Amino acid sequence: MKTLIAYATKHGCTERAAVELSKHLDGEVELVNLKNVSKIDLTYYERVIIGGSIYTGKIQKLVKEFCAQNLEELQTKDLGLFICCMEEGENAQKQLMDSYPGELFWSAKSTAVFGGEFNLDRLSFIQKLIVKKVAHVRISTSRVDHEAIRKFSKKMERIFNPFLFLV
């Protein structure tokens, strides 16, 4: 099975999560940073996973545009959706749901929040000020959820078999 992991990243957390995820998936996996391509031919892929990070409560514009441009075709694929964010619990789940069109979210085989990080070394002066003021973070912090990445990959690997319900 050929898999595409299409993602957008600002400071690298989503890219690292996508790479980690790719190592848990069987078959051929292609990683594509949406920032580096203008068009992706989805006909080559049976499975598509889309991910992005949350900034100021929203996913990157590139992810939203990719989903909108490919909405119909994405609904025909084994689809997975994830975000990287520092929120937890209900807030994180709400951000995940708000990040993708409803048609995609409800047809996805797997959805997840992979946690996130604040790497102060990669932030601009203004971004550091905002993070310190709003998130009350003083040092670089990582809350990447490696277990969530592993569970997400397991769900994506499961094959749907309608006859299993008859057993």
C-alpha atoms as a PDB file:
ATOM      1  CA  MET A   1       0.000   0.000   0.000  1.00  0.00           C
ATOM      2  CA  LYS A   2       1.323   3.413  -0.937  1.00  0.00           C
ATOM      3  CA  THR A   3       0.823   6.137   1.666  1.00  0.00           C
ATOM      4  CA  LEU A   4       1.134   9.900   1.447  1.00  0.00           C
ATOM      5  CA  ILE A   5       1.752  11.934   4.571  1.00  0.00           C
ATOM      6  CA  ALA A   6       1.095  15.554   3.597  1.00  0.00           C
ATOM      7  CA  TYR A   7       1.866  18.092   6.291  1.00  0.00           C
ATOM      8  CA  ALA A   8       2.638  21.701   7.050  1.00  0.00           C
ATOM      9  CA  THR A   9       5.060  22.718   9.747  1.00  0.00           C
ATOM     10  CA  LYS A  10       6.262  26.048  11.023  1.00  0.00           C
ATOM     11  CA  HIS A  11       9.004  25.192  13.498  1.00  0.00           C
ATOM     12  CA  GLY A  12       9.494  21.475  12.778  1.00  0.00           C
ATOM     13  CA  CYS A  13       7.348  19.658  15.358  1.00  0.00           C
ATOM     14  CA  THR A  14       4.794  18.437  12.812  1.00  0.00           C
ATOM     15  CA  GLU A  15       7.553  17.330  10.461  1.00  0.00           C
ATOM     16  CA  ARG A  16       9.240  15.298  13.201  1.00  0.00           C
ATOM     17  CA  ALA A  17       5.867  13.750  14.127  1.00  0.00           C
ATOM     18  CA  ALA A  18       5.220  12.872  10.461  1.00  0.00           C
ATOM     19  CA  VAL A  19       8.640  11.223  10.160  1.00  0.00           C
ATOM     20  CA  GLU A  20       8.034   9.235  13.350  1.00  0.00           C
ATOM     21  CA  LEU A  21       4.603   8.194  12.076  1.00  0.00           C
ATOM     22  CA  SER A  22       6.068   7.062   8.741  1.00  0.00           C
ATOM     23  CA  LYS A  23       8.326   4.607  10.580  1.00  0.00           C
ATOM     24  CA  HIS A  24       5.276   2.853  12.063  1.00  0.00           C
ATOM     25  CA  LEU A  25       3.472   2.333   8.742  1.00  0.00           C
ATOM     26  CA  ASP A  26       3.823  -0.623   6.386  1.00  0.00           C
ATOM     27  CA  GLY A  27       4.403  -0.254   2.668  1.00  0.00           C
ATOM     28  CA  GLU A  28       5.817   2.665   0.760  1.00  0.00           C
ATOM     29  CA  VAL A  29       5.396   5.997   2.572  1.00  0.00           C
ATOM     30  CA  GLU A  30       6.032   9.387   0.986  1.00  0.00           C
ATOM     31  CA  LEU A  31       6.365  12.490   3.149  1.00  0.00           C
ATOM     32  CA  VAL A  32       5.453  15.805   1.530  1.00  0.00           C
ATOM     33  CA  ASN A  33       5.785  19.217   3.121  1.00  0.00           C
ATOM     34  CA  LEU A  34       2.926  21.218   1.588  1.00  0.00           C
ATOM     35  CA  LYS A  35       5.133  24.296   1.644  1.00  0.00           C
ATOM     36  CA  ASN A  36       7.378  22.715  -1.002  1.00  0.00           C
ATOM     37  CA  VAL A  37       4.780  21.583  -3.572  1.00  0.00           C
ATOM     38  CA  SER A  38       1.972  23.225  -5.486  1.00  0.00           C
ATOM     39  CA  LYS A  39       0.016  20.126  -6.622  1.00  0.00           C
ATOM     40  CA  ILE A  40       0.008  16.481  -5.547  1.00  0.00           C
ATOM     41  CA  ASP A  41      -1.433  13.724  -7.737  1.00  0.00           C
ATOM     42  CA  LEU A  42      -3.397  11.681  -5.208  1.00  0.00           C
ATOM     43  CA  THR A  43      -4.198   8.873  -7.670  1.00  0.00           C
ATOM     44  CA  TYR A  44      -0.912   7.158  -6.733  1.00  0.00           C
ATOM     45  CA  TYR A  45      -1.919   6.718  -3.087  1.00  0.00           C
ATOM     46  CA  GLU A  46      -4.380   4.353  -1.425  1.00  0.00           C
ATOM     47  CA  ARG A  47      -3.877   6.005   1.942  1.00  0.00           C
ATOM     48  CA  VAL A  48      -3.502   9.731   2.698  1.00  0.00           C
ATOM     49  CA  ILE A  49      -2.590  11.212   6.073  1.00  0.00           C
ATOM     50  CA  ILE A  50      -2.767  14.963   6.583  1.00  0.00           C
ATOM     51  CA  GLY A  51      -1.235  16.874   9.472  1.00  0.00           C
ATOM     52  CA  GLY A  52      -0.516  20.377  10.609  1.00  0.00           C
ATOM     53  CA  SER A  53       0.253  22.423  13.645  1.00  0.00           C
ATOM     54  CA  ILE A  54      -1.950  24.861  15.486  1.00  0.00           C
ATOM     55  CA  TYR A  55      -0.956  28.523  15.859  1.00  0.00           C
ATOM     56  CA  THR A  56      -3.273  31.039  17.460  1.00  0.00           C
ATOM     57  CA  GLY A  57      -5.956  28.367  17.549  1.00  0.00           C
ATOM     58  CA  LYS A  58      -5.903  27.524  13.830  1.00  0.00           C
ATOM     59  CA  ILE A  59      -4.184  25.061  11.525  1.00  0.00           C
ATOM     60  CA  GLN A  60      -1.925  26.391   8.763  1.00  0.00           C
ATOM     61  CA  LYS A  61      -3.587  27.844   5.689  1.00  0.00           C
ATOM     62  CA  LEU A  62      -1.679  25.371   3.460  1.00  0.00           C
ATOM     63  CA  VAL A  63      -3.434  22.430   5.128  1.00  0.00           C
ATOM     64  CA  LYS A  64      -6.878  24.026   4.757  1.00  0.00           C
ATOM     65  CA  GLU A  65      -6.194  24.795   1.076  1.00  0.00           C
ATOM     66  CA  PHE A  66      -4.934  21.261   0.379  1.00  0.00           C
ATOM     67  CA  CYS A  67      -8.071  19.772   1.924  1.00  0.00           C
ATOM     68  CA  ALA A  68     -10.385  22.148   0.043  1.00  0.00           C
ATOM     69  CA  GLN A  69      -8.669  21.554  -3.325  1.00  0.00           C
ATOM     70  CA  ASN A  70      -8.779  17.759  -2.936  1.00  0.00           C
ATOM     71  CA  LEU A  71     -11.966  17.287  -0.905  1.00  0.00           C
ATOM     72  CA  GLU A  72     -13.747  14.816  -3.189  1.00  0.00           C
ATOM     73  CA  GLU A  73     -10.711  12.644  -3.913  1.00  0.00           C
ATOM     74  CA  LEU A  74      -9.639  12.576  -0.259  1.00  0.00           C
ATOM     75  CA  GLN A  75     -13.012  11.090   0.653  1.00  0.00           C
ATOM     76  CA  THR A  76     -12.213   8.058  -1.530  1.00  0.00           C
ATOM     77  CA  LYS A  77      -8.960   7.278   0.323  1.00  0.00           C
ATOM     78  CA  ASP A  78      -8.089   5.604   3.604  1.00  0.00           C
ATOM     79  CA  LEU A  79      -7.749   8.934   5.373  1.00  0.00           C
ATOM     80  CA  GLY A  80      -5.975   9.956   8.560  1.00  0.00           C
ATOM     81  CA  LEU A  81      -5.924  13.422  10.121  1.00  0.00           C
ATOM     82  CA  PHE A  82      -3.718  14.775  12.890  1.00  0.00           C
ATOM     83  CA  ILE A  83      -2.617  17.992  14.505  1.00  0.00           C
ATOM     84  CA  CYS A  84       0.254  19.034  16.696  1.00  0.00           C
ATOM     85  CA  CYS A  85      -0.746  21.455  19.434  1.00  0.00           C
ATOM     86  CA  MET A  86      -0.039  22.261  23.060  1.00  0.00           C
ATOM     87  CA  GLU A  87      -3.681  22.109  24.153  1.00  0.00           C
ATOM     88  CA  GLU A  88      -4.952  19.001  25.891  1.00  0.00           C
ATOM     89  CA  GLY A  89      -8.264  17.249  26.459  1.00  0.00           C
ATOM     90  CA  GLU A  90     -11.452  18.808  25.098  1.00  0.00           C
ATOM     91  CA  ASN A  91      -9.644  21.927  23.856  1.00  0.00           C
ATOM     92  CA  ALA A  92      -7.278  19.830  21.755  1.00  0.00           C
ATOM     93  CA  GLN A  93     -10.136  17.700  20.375  1.00  0.00           C
ATOM     94  CA  LYS A  94     -12.055  20.854  19.431  1.00  0.00           C
ATOM     95  CA  GLN A  95      -8.986  22.216  17.625  1.00  0.00           C
ATOM     96  CA  LEU A  96      -8.648  18.899  15.777  1.00  0.00           C
ATOM     97  CA  MET A  97     -12.299  18.933  14.671  1.00  0.00           C
ATOM     98  CA  ASP A  98     -12.142  22.609  13.667  1.00  0.00           C
ATOM     99  CA  SER A  99      -8.994  22.070  11.600  1.00  0.00           C
ATOM    100  CA  TYR A 100     -10.548  19.892   8.904  1.00  0.00           C
ATOM    101  CA  PRO A 101     -13.745  20.003   6.827  1.00  0.00           C
ATOM    102  CA  GLY A 102     -16.499  17.968   8.501  1.00  0.00           C
ATOM    103  CA  GLU A 103     -16.814  15.643   5.498  1.00  0.00           C
ATOM    104  CA  LEU A 104     -13.174  14.652   5.905  1.00  0.00           C
ATOM    105  CA  PHE A 105     -13.146  14.527   9.680  1.00  0.00           C
ATOM    106  CA  TRP A 106     -16.106  12.158   9.910  1.00  0.00           C
ATOM    107  CA  SER A 107     -14.870   9.904   7.085  1.00  0.00           C
ATOM    108  CA  ALA A 108     -11.322   9.615   8.454  1.00  0.00           C
ATOM    109  CA  LYS A 109     -10.139   6.187   9.513  1.00  0.00           C
ATOM    110  CA  SER A 110      -8.064   7.724  12.291  1.00  0.00           C
ATOM    111  CA  THR A 111      -7.740  11.160  13.896  1.00  0.00           C
ATOM    112  CA  ALA A 112      -5.372  12.253  16.634  1.00  0.00           C
ATOM    113  CA  VAL A 113      -3.669  15.003  18.542  1.00  0.00           C
ATOM    114  CA  PHE A 114       0.076  14.313  18.685  1.00  0.00           C
ATOM    115  CA  GLY A 115       0.877  16.901  21.336  1.00  0.00           C
ATOM    116  CA  GLY A 116       3.264  19.705  20.547  1.00  0.00           C
ATOM    117  CA  GLU A 117       6.195  21.765  21.636  1.00  0.00           C
ATOM    118  CA  PHE A 118       7.467  25.250  22.214  1.00  0.00           C
ATOM    119  CA  ASN A 119      11.060  25.417  21.053  1.00  0.00           C
ATOM    120  CA  LEU A 120      12.061  28.921  22.098  1.00  0.00           C
ATOM    121  CA  ASP A 121      15.311  28.713  20.109  1.00  0.00           C
ATOM    122  CA  ARG A 122      13.293  28.552  16.869  1.00  0.00           C
ATOM    123  CA  LEU A 123      10.955  31.433  17.673  1.00  0.00           C
ATOM    124  CA  SER A 124      11.381  35.053  16.730  1.00  0.00           C
ATOM    125  CA  PHE A 125      11.664  37.659  19.476  1.00  0.00           C
ATOM    126  CA  ILE A 126       7.985  38.617  19.100  1.00  0.00           C
ATOM    127  CA  GLN A 127       6.869  34.963  19.067  1.00  0.00           C
ATOM    128  CA  LYS A 128       8.847  34.322  22.262  1.00  0.00           C
ATOM    129  CA  LEU A 129       7.147  37.262  23.954  1.00  0.00           C
ATOM    130  CA  ILE A 130       3.717  35.974  22.942  1.00  0.00           C
ATOM    131  CA  VAL A 131       4.435  32.412  24.082  1.00  0.00           C
ATOM    132  CA  LYS A 132       5.794  33.620  27.401  1.00  0.00           C
ATOM    133  CA  LYS A 133       2.816  35.917  27.973  1.00  0.00           C
ATOM    134  CA  VAL A 134      -0.024  33.711  26.704  1.00  0.00           C
ATOM    135  CA  ALA A 135       1.225  30.173  27.429  1.00  0.00           C
ATOM    136  CA  HIS A 136       3.343  31.099  30.447  1.00  0.00           C
ATOM    137  CA  VAL A 137       6.255  29.104  29.043  1.00  0.00           C
ATOM    138  CA  ARG A 138       9.730  30.209  30.055  1.00  0.00           C
ATOM    139  CA  ILE A 139      11.838  27.342  28.694  1.00  0.00           C
ATOM    140  CA  SER A 140      11.582  25.103  25.645  1.00  0.00           C
ATOM    141  CA  THR A 141       8.935  22.476  26.317  1.00  0.00           C
ATOM    142  CA  SER A 142       7.974  19.337  24.423  1.00  0.00           C
ATOM    143  CA  ARG A 143       4.771  17.390  24.969  1.00  0.00           C
ATOM    144  CA  VAL A 144       4.902  15.239  21.841  1.00  0.00           C
ATOM    145  CA  ASP A 145       2.755  12.178  22.520  1.00  0.00           C
ATOM    146  CA  HIS A 146       4.678   9.254  21.005  1.00  0.00           C
ATOM    147  CA  GLU A 147       2.016   6.808  22.192  1.00  0.00           C
ATOM    148  CA  ALA A 148      -0.669   8.765  20.288  1.00  0.00           C
ATOM    149  CA  ILE A 149       1.460   8.517  17.136  1.00  0.00           C
ATOM    150  CA  ARG A 150       1.812   4.754  17.596  1.00  0.00           C
ATOM    151  CA  LYS A 151      -1.936   4.267  18.239  1.00  0.00           C
ATOM    152  CA  PHE A 152      -2.810   6.396  15.214  1.00  0.00           C
ATOM    153  CA  SER A 153      -0.562   4.240  13.011  1.00  0.00           C
ATOM    154  CA  LYS A 154      -2.165   1.035  14.333  1.00  0.00           C
ATOM    155  CA  LYS A 155      -5.631   2.337  13.409  1.00  0.00           C
ATOM    156  CA  MET A 156      -4.387   3.286   9.943  1.00  0.00           C
ATOM    157  CA  GLU A 157      -2.944  -0.222   9.464  1.00  0.00           C
ATOM    158  CA  ARG A 158      -6.210  -2.012  10.310  1.00  0.00           C
ATOM    159  CA  ILE A 159      -8.049  -3.353   7.322  1.00  0.00           C
ATOM    160  CA  PHE A 160     -11.812  -3.007   7.376  1.00  0.00           C
ATOM    161  CA  ASN A 161     -13.504  -6.377   6.895  1.00  0.00           C
ATOM    162  CA  PRO A 162     -17.306  -6.297   7.030  1.00  0.00           C
ATOM    163  CA  PHE A 163     -17.400 -10.084   7.562  1.00  0.00           C
ATOM    164  CA  LEU A 164     -15.757  -9.716  10.977  1.00  0.00           C
ATOM    165  CA  PHE A 165     -19.108  -8.495  12.298  1.00  0.00           C
ATOM    166  CA  LEU A 166     -20.669 -11.875  11.448  1.00  0.00           C
ATOM    167  CA  VAL A 167     -18.337 -13.803  13.761  1.00  0.00           C
END
